[in-house]
Amino acid sequence: MPEQPIIRTTEGLVRGRWESRRGPEQRPEQQREEQRERPWERQQGQPGGRELAAFRGIRYARPPVGALRFAAPVEPEPWDGVREATAFGPVVPQSGPMPAEAPTASEDTDWLTLNVCTPDPGAAGLPVLVWLHGGGFMSGTSGDPLYDPTALATAGLVVVSVNYRVGAEGFALLEGAPANRALLDQIAALHWVRRNIARFGGDPAQVTVAGQSAGAGAVAALLTMDRARGLFRRAVAHSVPGTHCTPALAAEVTAELAKLLGTAPTAAALAEVHPWRLASAVTELGAALPQHLARWGRLALCGIATVPVVDGAVLPSSPWSALTDGVDLLVGHTRDEFRLFGVLSGRHGDFTAEEARLALELFAPPPGGPDAYRAAFPGATPSELLEVVDSDALFRVPSLRLAEANAAAGGTSHLFELALPAPALGGVFGACHGLDVPLAFGSLDSPTARHFLGDPPPAEAVRVSAELRRAWVGFATTGDPGWPAYDPEGQLTRVLDARSQTVRYPEQTSRRIWAGHPLTAYDLH
């Protein structure tokens, strides 16, 4: 049996393991698609010539507990000997409607870890993809089977996935602590990649940072941050959220959070609260957000209490106004973004006229946005109006605007919309938020993908998955996903569907409604 791979990082030796390029559960039609798309198939080097080297749970910063609670990330200390890197790092404290179960007090708090999957650790100059998971800025983990890197690594990418602080640990604005600690974690991970990725076969000058939903929000923020400059060359952002808030609003959220816990809204006071208890308080506050609607407005309606703060220091401004140096950018959204949340809450098709009125009042661009939506969709039900304005305000318009801002800053933007509907439950999900993730990773056998796509997935989903994965690999390698760049005149957009095509941006009605209206940070009313 061949020896497991060992690599010397700048901090010490790590031992991973060889893993099969194609898992045993992969469908024959998926194998055929990947054989057609794979740009190369190395036949020598690693044992057997057909395996990937996977390293998991590598520390990129010290555990943010004790004296380092709510601090900016600190580089890990060197170690002697060989550290095993075969298991994902521990899940960071989670919040939200379905948070991960809190571990016991004896569980590991080594939360700031990353994973590397490489097709050939002995290679030189392979393109690198650094993945930032989503989860509404309050949950998520890099070890989710949805983010299985096997197909992307098989196609020639070195794939890095990152755990970072979420919820209050990562985003609460605290007196005595830096803002947006989650973004600082991600920058620390990118520094680790810069120092070490060549040892895994990757090219530190060919790094693409990628994310979906909250992860895409992080990517958008990183594009504007001076301290992230030079750490990546390209960016992929799926379903960019429009959720940022002002310091004034963030301070009130922290005060309310501290009130729930019976303590002061400072880093010193909240450091005395167990991290998982703090995470559960964020969940409690999220459930109570409707009570704060009159004061917190859009933040209360979106249902997420802890989001990136435009603090002027870590995050200087909202990405759509602060992007001054363009990059190669692949950005897009799904057609029916908000549908997921309506279905999962049991409210799809059942929102009231009052709920639609409130969504239009808070999310449509002022002053005439609500009337513009009603005029543009005259036969729409309240649920249909709510879905379209929420899809636009939360994801579709921010994604479009990021493409436009990057192009205006001298970068090259490639835009897409996923229009292929999920077949589950009679197609009720549509082309919903998150459906693009298993398609891009090729993780069609993951539990989440099966929930949306069925088992086995339809042939159309397999084909779109192959196309989107080719786009990622081509973009990370050359900056070209396989369709023309977006510009304000042509507005060329790749619509991914059973028969994909490149057309003028398809959501023209929404684009016209939002024309001339800037995207602003959420603020107090």
Protein backbone atom coordinates (compact mmCIF):
# COMPACT_ATOMS: atom_id res chain seq x y z
CA MET A 1 0.00 0.00 0.00
CA PRO A 2 1.50 3.41 -0.94
CA GLU A 3 2.49 5.86 1.74
CA GLN A 4 0.05 8.66 2.46
CA PRO A 5 1.10 12.11 1.20
CA ILE A 6 3.08 14.34 3.57
CA ILE A 7 3.72 18.03 2.84
CA ARG A 8 5.80 20.55 4.77
CA THR A 9 3.87 23.79 5.28
CA THR A 10 5.48 26.91 6.69
CA GLU A 11 4.24 25.87 10.13
CA GLY A 12 5.02 22.15 10.02
CA LEU A 13 4.41 18.80 8.36
CA VAL A 14 0.88 17.59 7.55
CA ARG A 15 -0.16 14.14 6.43
CA GLY A 16 -3.23 13.77 4.22
CA ARG A 17 -4.43 10.77 2.29
CA TRP A 18 -4.86 9.57 -1.27
CA GLU A 19 -8.47 9.45 -2.42
CA SER A 20 -10.18 8.25 -5.57
CA ARG A 21 -10.80 10.78 -8.29
CA ARG A 22 -14.32 9.44 -8.89
CA GLY A 23 -16.37 8.18 -5.99
CA PRO A 24 -18.09 4.78 -6.24
CA GLU A 25 -21.58 6.37 -6.22
CA GLN A 26 -20.99 8.55 -9.27
CA ARG A 27 -23.51 7.93 -12.02
CA PRO A 28 -22.32 6.62 -15.41
CA GLU A 29 -23.73 9.71 -17.15
CA GLN A 30 -21.69 11.93 -14.79
CA GLN A 31 -18.55 9.92 -15.57
CA ARG A 32 -19.14 10.35 -19.32
CA GLU A 33 -19.61 14.12 -18.97
CA GLU A 34 -16.45 14.46 -16.86
CA GLN A 35 -14.39 12.34 -19.26
CA ARG A 36 -15.39 14.73 -22.05
CA GLU A 37 -14.60 17.85 -20.02
CA ARG A 38 -11.39 16.77 -18.28
CA PRO A 39 -8.50 18.76 -19.83
CA TRP A 40 -5.88 16.25 -18.78
CA GLU A 41 -5.53 12.90 -17.02
CA ARG A 42 -2.21 12.44 -15.31
CA GLN A 43 -1.05 8.84 -15.57
CA GLN A 44 1.99 8.99 -13.37
CA GLY A 45 3.24 10.75 -10.25
CA GLN A 46 0.91 9.89 -7.37
CA PRO A 47 0.35 6.19 -6.57
CA GLY A 48 -1.77 4.56 -9.23
CA GLY A 49 -1.75 7.70 -11.34
CA ARG A 50 -5.47 8.28 -10.74
CA GLU A 51 -5.79 9.61 -7.19
CA LEU A 52 -6.18 12.96 -5.48
CA ALA A 53 -4.31 14.09 -2.39
CA ALA A 54 -6.70 15.42 0.27
CA PHE A 55 -5.62 17.35 3.36
CA ARG A 56 -8.27 18.39 5.88
CA GLY A 57 -8.44 20.46 9.03
CA ILE A 58 -5.17 22.37 8.54
CA ARG A 59 -4.91 25.27 10.98
CA TYR A 60 -4.45 28.66 9.26
CA ALA A 61 -4.87 30.72 12.43
CA ARG A 62 -4.87 30.05 16.15
CA PRO A 63 -8.15 29.12 17.86
CA PRO A 64 -10.10 32.37 18.49
CA VAL A 65 -10.88 31.62 22.12
CA GLY A 66 -9.56 32.76 25.50
CA ALA A 67 -7.39 35.83 25.09
CA LEU A 68 -7.98 35.71 21.30
CA ARG A 69 -11.79 35.73 21.52
CA PHE A 70 -13.13 38.38 19.10
CA ALA A 71 -9.56 39.27 18.07
CA ALA A 72 -8.25 39.49 14.53
CA PRO A 73 -6.85 36.09 13.46
CA VAL A 74 -3.32 35.29 14.58
CA GLU A 75 -0.94 33.11 12.55
CA PRO A 76 -0.62 29.56 13.89
CA GLU A 77 2.38 28.52 15.91
CA PRO A 78 4.86 26.10 14.31
CA TRP A 79 4.76 22.47 15.40
CA ASP A 80 7.17 19.58 15.51
CA GLY A 81 6.53 16.18 14.00
CA VAL A 82 3.74 15.33 11.58
CA ARG A 83 0.15 16.46 12.11
CA GLU A 84 -2.62 14.29 10.76
CA ALA A 85 -4.76 16.16 8.22
CA THR A 86 -7.41 13.58 7.38
CA ALA A 87 -10.49 14.96 9.19
CA PHE A 88 -12.36 18.22 8.77
CA GLY A 89 -11.82 20.80 11.48
CA PRO A 90 -14.52 21.38 14.11
CA VAL A 91 -17.65 23.29 13.12
CA VAL A 92 -17.63 26.93 14.21
CA PRO A 93 -20.51 28.01 16.50
CA GLN A 94 -23.65 28.07 14.36
CA SER A 95 -26.86 30.10 14.48
CA GLY A 96 -30.10 30.14 12.52
CA PRO A 97 -33.31 28.16 12.15
CA MET A 98 -31.43 24.87 11.72
CA PRO A 99 -28.05 25.33 13.46
CA ALA A 100 -25.62 22.50 14.01
CA GLU A 101 -25.85 20.75 17.35
CA ALA A 102 -23.60 22.36 19.98
CA PRO A 103 -20.69 20.13 20.99
CA THR A 104 -19.77 19.34 24.55
CA ALA A 105 -17.40 21.63 26.45
CA SER A 106 -14.52 19.24 25.77
CA GLU A 107 -14.83 19.53 22.01
CA ASP A 108 -12.05 21.10 19.94
CA THR A 109 -12.23 24.87 19.40
CA ASP A 110 -9.67 24.83 16.57
CA TRP A 111 -12.24 26.48 14.29
CA LEU A 112 -9.98 28.36 11.87
CA THR A 113 -8.97 25.53 9.57
CA LEU A 114 -8.95 24.86 5.86
CA ASN A 115 -8.83 21.89 3.52
CA VAL A 116 -6.78 21.29 0.38
CA CYS A 117 -7.56 18.81 -2.38
CA THR A 118 -4.95 18.61 -5.13
CA PRO A 119 -4.74 16.47 -8.27
CA ASP A 120 -0.96 16.33 -7.96
CA PRO A 121 1.05 17.68 -5.00
CA GLY A 122 4.19 17.16 -7.04
CA ALA A 123 3.04 19.46 -9.83
CA ALA A 124 3.86 23.13 -10.30
CA GLY A 125 1.60 25.97 -11.34
CA LEU A 126 -1.88 24.43 -11.09
CA PRO A 127 -4.72 26.96 -10.81
CA VAL A 128 -6.18 27.34 -7.32
CA LEU A 129 -9.82 27.80 -6.26
CA VAL A 130 -10.44 29.03 -2.68
CA TRP A 131 -14.03 28.35 -1.61
CA LEU A 132 -15.92 30.43 0.98
CA HIS A 133 -19.13 28.68 2.03
CA GLY A 134 -22.54 30.30 2.39
CA GLY A 135 -24.99 30.12 5.26
CA GLY A 136 -26.56 33.52 5.79
CA PHE A 137 -23.46 34.87 7.60
CA MET A 138 -24.48 32.75 10.62
CA SER A 139 -23.92 29.10 9.73
CA GLY A 140 -22.10 26.78 7.34
CA THR A 141 -19.02 24.60 7.23
CA SER A 142 -16.42 23.67 4.65
CA GLY A 143 -16.98 19.98 5.39
CA ASP A 144 -20.48 19.94 3.91
CA PRO A 145 -20.70 17.11 1.28
CA LEU A 146 -22.22 19.73 -1.01
CA TYR A 147 -18.70 21.15 -1.38
CA ASP A 148 -17.02 17.86 -2.32
CA PRO A 149 -14.00 19.03 -4.38
CA THR A 150 -13.43 15.72 -6.17
CA ALA A 151 -14.82 16.67 -9.58
CA LEU A 152 -13.09 20.08 -9.65
CA ALA A 153 -9.76 18.66 -8.52
CA THR A 154 -10.07 15.84 -11.06
CA ALA A 155 -10.43 18.55 -13.72
CA GLY A 156 -7.11 20.11 -12.68
CA LEU A 157 -7.81 22.62 -9.89
CA VAL A 158 -6.24 22.74 -6.45
CA VAL A 159 -9.33 23.32 -4.29
CA VAL A 160 -9.09 25.02 -0.89
CA SER A 161 -12.17 25.32 1.35
CA VAL A 162 -12.22 27.50 4.45
CA ASN A 163 -13.93 27.55 7.84
CA TYR A 164 -14.37 31.08 9.20
CA ARG A 165 -16.21 32.66 12.12
CA VAL A 166 -19.91 33.31 11.53
CA GLY A 167 -22.76 34.87 13.52
CA ALA A 168 -21.74 37.03 16.46
CA GLU A 169 -18.24 35.55 16.58
CA GLY A 170 -17.58 36.77 13.03
CA PHE A 171 -19.81 39.80 12.49
CA ALA A 172 -21.21 41.39 15.69
CA LEU A 173 -19.95 44.95 16.11
CA LEU A 174 -18.28 44.97 19.53
CA GLU A 175 -16.58 47.70 21.49
CA GLY A 176 -12.97 46.61 21.93
CA ALA A 177 -12.80 44.29 18.91
CA PRO A 178 -12.23 44.71 15.16
CA ALA A 179 -15.32 44.64 12.96
CA ASN A 180 -15.96 41.95 10.35
CA ARG A 181 -13.70 39.35 11.93
CA ALA A 182 -15.02 36.77 9.47
CA LEU A 183 -13.57 38.76 6.58
CA LEU A 184 -10.27 39.01 8.43
CA ASP A 185 -10.33 35.22 8.86
CA GLN A 186 -10.77 34.81 5.12
CA ILE A 187 -7.85 37.13 4.44
CA ALA A 188 -5.73 35.11 6.88
CA ALA A 189 -6.67 31.96 4.96
CA LEU A 190 -5.67 33.64 1.68
CA HIS A 191 -2.31 34.57 3.24
CA TRP A 192 -1.87 30.91 4.19
CA VAL A 193 -2.60 29.99 0.58
CA ARG A 194 -0.04 32.54 -0.62
CA ARG A 195 2.61 31.02 1.69
CA ASN A 196 1.87 27.36 1.15
CA ILE A 197 -0.12 26.45 -1.93
CA ALA A 198 2.92 25.88 -4.17
CA ARG A 199 3.81 22.97 -1.87
CA PHE A 200 0.50 21.36 -2.89
CA GLY A 201 1.08 21.87 -6.62
CA GLY A 202 -0.77 25.19 -6.86
CA ASP A 203 0.29 28.52 -8.31
CA PRO A 204 0.03 31.35 -5.73
CA ALA A 205 -0.27 33.81 -8.62
CA GLN A 206 -3.29 31.96 -10.07
CA VAL A 207 -5.72 32.05 -7.13
CA THR A 208 -9.47 32.41 -7.68
CA VAL A 209 -11.59 33.19 -4.62
CA ALA A 210 -15.13 31.85 -4.90
CA GLY A 211 -18.32 31.80 -2.87
CA GLN A 212 -22.09 31.56 -2.97
CA SER A 213 -24.69 33.55 -0.99
CA ALA A 214 -22.92 34.76 2.18
CA GLY A 215 -19.69 33.44 0.66
CA ALA A 216 -20.35 35.57 -2.43
CA GLY A 217 -20.99 38.55 -0.15
CA ALA A 218 -17.58 37.92 1.34
CA VAL A 219 -16.03 37.75 -2.14
CA ALA A 220 -17.65 41.07 -3.03
CA ALA A 221 -16.29 42.62 0.15
CA LEU A 222 -12.79 41.26 -0.47
CA LEU A 223 -12.78 42.93 -3.89
CA THR A 224 -12.87 46.33 -2.14
CA MET A 225 -10.51 45.71 0.79
CA ASP A 226 -6.94 47.00 0.61
CA ARG A 227 -5.66 44.28 2.92
CA ALA A 228 -6.94 41.62 0.46
CA ARG A 229 -5.23 43.21 -2.51
CA GLY A 230 -2.84 40.90 -4.32
CA LEU A 231 -4.05 37.74 -2.56
CA PHE A 232 -6.16 36.53 -5.49
CA ARG A 233 -6.32 37.16 -9.22
CA ARG A 234 -9.90 36.19 -10.08
CA ALA A 235 -13.24 35.94 -8.31
CA VAL A 236 -16.40 33.83 -8.59
CA ALA A 237 -19.57 35.08 -6.86
CA HIS A 238 -22.89 33.21 -7.03
CA SER A 239 -26.01 34.93 -5.65
CA VAL A 240 -24.34 38.00 -4.15
CA PRO A 241 -26.44 39.19 -1.18
CA GLY A 242 -27.27 42.87 -0.71
CA THR A 243 -27.03 42.60 3.07
CA HIS A 244 -24.62 45.04 4.69
CA CYS A 245 -25.44 47.36 7.57
CA THR A 246 -24.28 50.65 9.07
CA PRO A 247 -22.39 50.84 12.37
CA ALA A 248 -25.39 52.52 13.99
CA LEU A 249 -27.67 49.59 13.15
CA ALA A 250 -25.02 47.01 14.05
CA ALA A 251 -24.53 48.65 17.45
CA GLU A 252 -28.24 48.36 18.22
CA VAL A 253 -28.23 44.70 17.19
CA THR A 254 -25.31 44.03 19.54
CA ALA A 255 -27.05 45.88 22.36
CA GLU A 256 -30.16 43.74 21.90
CA LEU A 257 -28.05 40.60 21.76
CA ALA A 258 -26.29 41.55 25.01
CA LYS A 259 -29.69 42.28 26.58
CA LEU A 260 -30.82 38.73 25.79
CA LEU A 261 -27.72 37.46 27.59
CA GLY A 262 -27.93 39.84 30.53
CA THR A 263 -24.53 41.40 29.89
CA ALA A 264 -22.86 44.45 28.32
CA PRO A 265 -22.42 44.87 24.51
CA THR A 266 -18.62 44.81 24.68
CA ALA A 267 -16.01 42.31 23.61
CA ALA A 268 -14.82 41.92 27.19
CA ALA A 269 -18.30 41.17 28.54
CA LEU A 270 -19.40 38.86 25.73
CA ALA A 271 -16.10 36.96 25.92
CA GLU A 272 -17.41 35.56 29.21
CA VAL A 273 -20.34 33.96 27.35
CA HIS A 274 -19.76 30.44 26.02
CA PRO A 275 -19.45 30.63 22.21
CA TRP A 276 -22.31 28.21 21.59
CA ARG A 277 -24.53 30.09 24.04
CA LEU A 278 -23.77 33.28 22.14
CA ALA A 279 -24.64 31.50 18.91
CA SER A 280 -27.98 30.38 20.33
CA ALA A 281 -28.69 33.98 21.38
CA VAL A 282 -28.21 35.03 17.75
CA THR A 283 -30.79 32.39 16.81
CA GLU A 284 -33.18 33.78 19.44
CA LEU A 285 -32.66 37.31 18.18
CA GLY A 286 -33.26 36.19 14.61
CA ALA A 287 -36.61 34.71 15.60
CA ALA A 288 -37.53 38.00 17.29
CA LEU A 289 -36.49 40.27 14.40
CA PRO A 290 -40.09 41.08 13.34
CA GLN A 291 -40.48 42.88 16.69
CA HIS A 292 -37.79 45.32 15.55
CA LEU A 293 -39.26 46.01 12.12
CA ALA A 294 -40.13 49.65 12.79
CA ARG A 295 -36.58 50.46 13.88
CA TRP A 296 -34.40 48.03 11.91
CA GLY A 297 -36.37 47.94 8.66
CA ARG A 298 -34.75 45.84 5.92
CA LEU A 299 -32.49 43.97 8.33
CA ALA A 300 -35.49 42.81 10.36
CA LEU A 301 -37.34 41.73 7.23
CA CYS A 302 -34.42 39.77 5.77
CA GLY A 303 -34.24 37.67 8.95
CA ILE A 304 -30.48 37.84 9.56
CA ALA A 305 -29.24 39.72 12.61
CA THR A 306 -25.46 39.61 12.07
CA VAL A 307 -24.20 40.75 8.66
CA PRO A 308 -21.07 42.54 7.39
CA VAL A 309 -20.74 46.07 8.76
CA VAL A 310 -19.62 48.99 6.60
CA ASP A 311 -17.37 50.22 9.42
CA GLY A 312 -15.04 52.36 7.31
CA ALA A 313 -11.95 50.48 8.48
CA VAL A 314 -12.10 46.76 7.73
CA LEU A 315 -14.90 47.21 5.18
CA PRO A 316 -14.57 50.75 3.82
CA SER A 317 -17.82 50.90 1.87
CA SER A 318 -20.43 48.77 0.16
CA PRO A 319 -18.81 46.86 -2.73
CA TRP A 320 -21.03 48.39 -5.41
CA SER A 321 -19.71 51.88 -4.69
CA ALA A 322 -16.18 51.11 -3.51
CA LEU A 323 -14.88 48.83 -6.28
CA THR A 324 -12.06 50.74 -7.95
CA ASP A 325 -9.74 48.02 -9.26
CA GLY A 326 -11.50 45.49 -11.46
CA VAL A 327 -10.55 41.82 -11.73
CA ASP A 328 -11.63 38.82 -13.78
CA LEU A 329 -15.09 38.16 -12.31
CA LEU A 330 -17.57 35.35 -12.87
CA VAL A 331 -20.86 36.34 -11.23
CA GLY A 332 -24.45 35.25 -11.45
CA HIS A 333 -27.68 34.33 -9.77
CA THR A 334 -30.57 31.90 -10.06
CA ARG A 335 -33.83 32.87 -11.71
CA ASP A 336 -36.07 32.15 -8.71
CA GLU A 337 -33.77 33.16 -5.84
CA PHE A 338 -36.33 33.70 -3.09
CA ARG A 339 -38.43 30.63 -3.93
CA LEU A 340 -36.30 28.44 -1.64
CA PHE A 341 -37.16 30.44 1.46
CA GLY A 342 -40.87 30.49 0.70
CA VAL A 343 -40.98 26.72 0.19
CA LEU A 344 -38.87 25.85 3.24
CA SER A 345 -40.98 28.11 5.47
CA GLY A 346 -44.19 26.58 4.15
CA ARG A 347 -45.34 29.98 2.88
CA HIS A 348 -44.79 29.63 -0.88
CA GLY A 349 -47.92 30.87 -2.63
CA ASP A 350 -49.42 31.88 0.72
CA PHE A 351 -47.98 35.33 1.46
CA THR A 352 -50.60 37.94 2.22
CA ALA A 353 -51.26 41.28 0.54
CA GLU A 354 -49.96 43.03 3.68
CA GLU A 355 -46.70 41.03 3.58
CA ALA A 356 -46.26 41.88 -0.08
CA ARG A 357 -46.93 45.57 0.65
CA LEU A 358 -44.28 45.55 3.40
CA ALA A 359 -41.71 43.82 1.17
CA LEU A 360 -42.30 46.35 -1.60
CA GLU A 361 -42.11 49.26 0.84
CA LEU A 362 -38.82 48.16 2.38
CA PHE A 363 -37.01 46.44 -0.51
CA ALA A 364 -38.18 48.16 -3.71
CA PRO A 365 -36.07 51.20 -4.64
CA PRO A 366 -37.55 54.45 -3.36
CA PRO A 367 -39.55 56.46 -4.02
CA GLY A 368 -41.51 54.85 -6.85
CA GLY A 369 -40.33 51.26 -6.70
CA PRO A 370 -43.47 49.71 -5.17
CA ASP A 371 -45.71 51.22 -7.83
CA ALA A 372 -43.23 50.26 -10.54
CA TYR A 373 -43.36 46.61 -9.48
CA ARG A 374 -47.16 46.63 -9.36
CA ALA A 375 -47.33 48.20 -12.82
CA ALA A 376 -44.76 45.80 -14.27
CA PHE A 377 -46.53 42.71 -12.89
CA PRO A 378 -50.23 43.68 -13.05
CA GLY A 379 -51.62 40.17 -12.71
CA ALA A 380 -49.23 39.00 -9.99
CA THR A 381 -50.54 37.55 -6.75
CA PRO A 382 -49.20 38.95 -3.45
CA SER A 383 -46.88 35.94 -3.17
CA GLU A 384 -45.55 36.47 -6.70
CA LEU A 385 -44.90 40.16 -6.05
CA LEU A 386 -43.13 39.39 -2.79
CA GLU A 387 -41.00 36.73 -4.43
CA VAL A 388 -39.85 38.92 -7.30
CA VAL A 389 -38.95 41.96 -5.18
CA ASP A 390 -37.18 39.82 -2.57
CA SER A 391 -35.28 37.92 -5.28
CA ASP A 392 -34.23 41.23 -6.82
CA ALA A 393 -33.27 43.13 -3.67
CA LEU A 394 -31.56 40.28 -1.85
CA PHE A 395 -29.61 38.60 -4.68
CA ARG A 396 -30.34 39.35 -8.34
CA VAL A 397 -29.73 43.10 -8.44
CA PRO A 398 -26.63 42.93 -6.16
CA SER A 399 -25.17 40.27 -8.46
CA LEU A 400 -25.90 42.32 -11.58
CA ARG A 401 -24.53 45.48 -9.99
CA LEU A 402 -21.31 43.72 -9.00
CA ALA A 403 -20.80 42.71 -12.63
CA GLU A 404 -21.40 46.30 -13.70
CA ALA A 405 -19.19 47.84 -11.00
CA ASN A 406 -16.33 45.49 -11.81
CA ALA A 407 -16.56 46.27 -15.52
CA ALA A 408 -16.65 50.00 -14.76
CA ALA A 409 -13.52 49.58 -12.63
CA GLY A 410 -11.62 48.11 -15.55
CA GLY A 411 -12.22 44.43 -14.86
CA THR A 412 -13.79 41.77 -17.04
CA SER A 413 -17.15 40.47 -15.86
CA HIS A 414 -18.89 37.31 -17.05
CA LEU A 415 -22.55 37.07 -16.01
CA PHE A 416 -24.89 34.08 -15.80
CA GLU A 417 -28.39 33.15 -14.68
CA LEU A 418 -29.36 29.61 -13.72
CA ALA A 419 -32.83 28.95 -15.17
CA LEU A 420 -32.93 25.14 -14.92
CA PRO A 421 -35.67 24.26 -12.40
CA ALA A 422 -35.21 21.66 -9.69
CA PRO A 423 -37.55 18.72 -10.40
CA ALA A 424 -38.24 17.85 -6.75
CA LEU A 425 -41.79 18.16 -5.37
CA GLY A 426 -43.26 18.74 -8.78
CA GLY A 427 -40.90 21.60 -9.60
CA VAL A 428 -42.06 23.87 -6.76
CA PHE A 429 -38.50 25.01 -6.02
CA GLY A 430 -37.97 26.39 -9.52
CA ALA A 431 -34.44 27.59 -10.21
CA CYS A 432 -34.01 28.45 -6.56
CA HIS A 433 -31.27 29.87 -4.37
CA GLY A 434 -28.46 27.35 -3.82
CA LEU A 435 -29.35 25.02 -6.69
CA ASP A 436 -26.24 26.18 -8.55
CA VAL A 437 -23.83 24.94 -5.86
CA PRO A 438 -24.06 21.15 -6.42
CA LEU A 439 -24.15 21.81 -10.16
CA ALA A 440 -20.87 23.76 -9.99
CA PHE A 441 -19.13 21.26 -7.70
CA GLY A 442 -20.58 18.21 -9.45
CA SER A 443 -21.73 16.96 -6.05
CA LEU A 444 -24.97 15.57 -7.47
CA ASP A 445 -24.91 12.63 -5.04
CA SER A 446 -24.76 14.84 -1.94
CA PRO A 447 -27.83 14.79 0.34
CA THR A 448 -28.71 18.41 -0.51
CA ALA A 449 -28.45 17.82 -4.24
CA ARG A 450 -30.64 14.72 -4.02
CA HIS A 451 -33.24 16.76 -2.14
CA PHE A 452 -33.52 19.16 -5.08
CA LEU A 453 -32.58 17.04 -8.09
CA GLY A 454 -33.79 13.60 -7.11
CA ASP A 455 -31.95 10.30 -7.30
CA PRO A 456 -30.79 9.89 -9.99
CA PRO A 457 -30.61 13.50 -11.22
CA PRO A 458 -32.20 14.21 -14.61
CA ALA A 459 -29.96 14.27 -17.66
CA GLU A 460 -30.52 18.03 -18.04
CA ALA A 461 -29.05 18.63 -14.57
CA VAL A 462 -26.04 16.48 -15.38
CA ARG A 463 -25.42 18.49 -18.55
CA VAL A 464 -25.80 21.87 -16.83
CA SER A 465 -23.52 20.65 -14.05
CA ALA A 466 -20.86 19.73 -16.59
CA GLU A 467 -21.20 23.12 -18.30
CA LEU A 468 -20.99 25.10 -15.08
CA ARG A 469 -18.06 23.06 -13.84
CA ARG A 470 -16.25 23.59 -17.14
CA ALA A 471 -16.93 27.31 -16.73
CA TRP A 472 -15.35 27.33 -13.27
CA VAL A 473 -12.30 25.37 -14.39
CA GLY A 474 -11.82 27.43 -17.54
CA PHE A 475 -12.29 30.68 -15.66
CA ALA A 476 -9.86 29.75 -12.87
CA THR A 477 -7.32 28.66 -15.47
CA THR A 478 -7.58 31.39 -18.11
CA GLY A 479 -10.24 33.91 -17.02
CA ASP A 480 -12.64 32.66 -19.71
CA PRO A 481 -15.73 30.64 -18.61
CA GLY A 482 -16.76 29.95 -22.21
CA TRP A 483 -19.07 32.86 -23.04
CA PRO A 484 -18.55 36.56 -23.86
CA ALA A 485 -17.94 39.20 -21.22
CA TYR A 486 -20.75 41.41 -19.93
CA ASP A 487 -20.85 45.07 -20.89
CA PRO A 488 -23.54 47.71 -20.26
CA GLU A 489 -24.50 47.87 -23.94
CA GLY A 490 -24.77 44.22 -24.96
CA GLN A 491 -25.50 42.89 -21.45
CA LEU A 492 -24.56 39.39 -22.64
CA THR A 493 -25.51 36.76 -20.08
CA ARG A 494 -25.24 32.99 -20.14
CA VAL A 495 -28.60 31.45 -19.25
CA LEU A 496 -27.97 27.91 -17.97
CA ASP A 497 -30.91 25.67 -18.81
CA ALA A 498 -31.80 22.43 -20.54
CA ARG A 499 -30.68 24.29 -23.65
CA SER A 500 -28.27 26.95 -22.48
CA GLN A 501 -27.86 30.12 -24.50
CA THR A 502 -26.11 33.47 -24.35
CA VAL A 503 -28.62 36.33 -24.51
CA ARG A 504 -29.21 39.88 -23.34
CA TYR A 505 -29.64 39.99 -19.55
CA PRO A 506 -33.00 38.19 -19.07
CA GLU A 507 -34.38 40.12 -16.07
CA GLN A 508 -34.89 43.37 -17.97
CA THR A 509 -38.02 44.40 -16.08
CA SER A 510 -36.21 44.33 -12.76
CA ARG A 511 -33.17 46.00 -14.26
CA ARG A 512 -35.28 48.92 -15.47
CA ILE A 513 -37.04 49.31 -12.10
CA TRP A 514 -33.68 49.54 -10.31
CA ALA A 515 -31.95 51.75 -12.90
CA GLY A 516 -30.37 54.78 -11.26
CA HIS A 517 -30.98 53.56 -7.72
CA PRO A 518 -27.85 52.82 -5.66
CA LEU A 519 -27.61 49.81 -3.36
CA THR A 520 -27.24 51.13 0.18
CA ALA A 521 -26.28 49.57 3.49
CA TYR A 522 -29.14 48.67 5.81
CA ASP A 523 -29.69 51.43 8.36
CA LEU A 524 -31.94 52.48 11.22
CA HIS A 525 -35.35 53.88 10.39
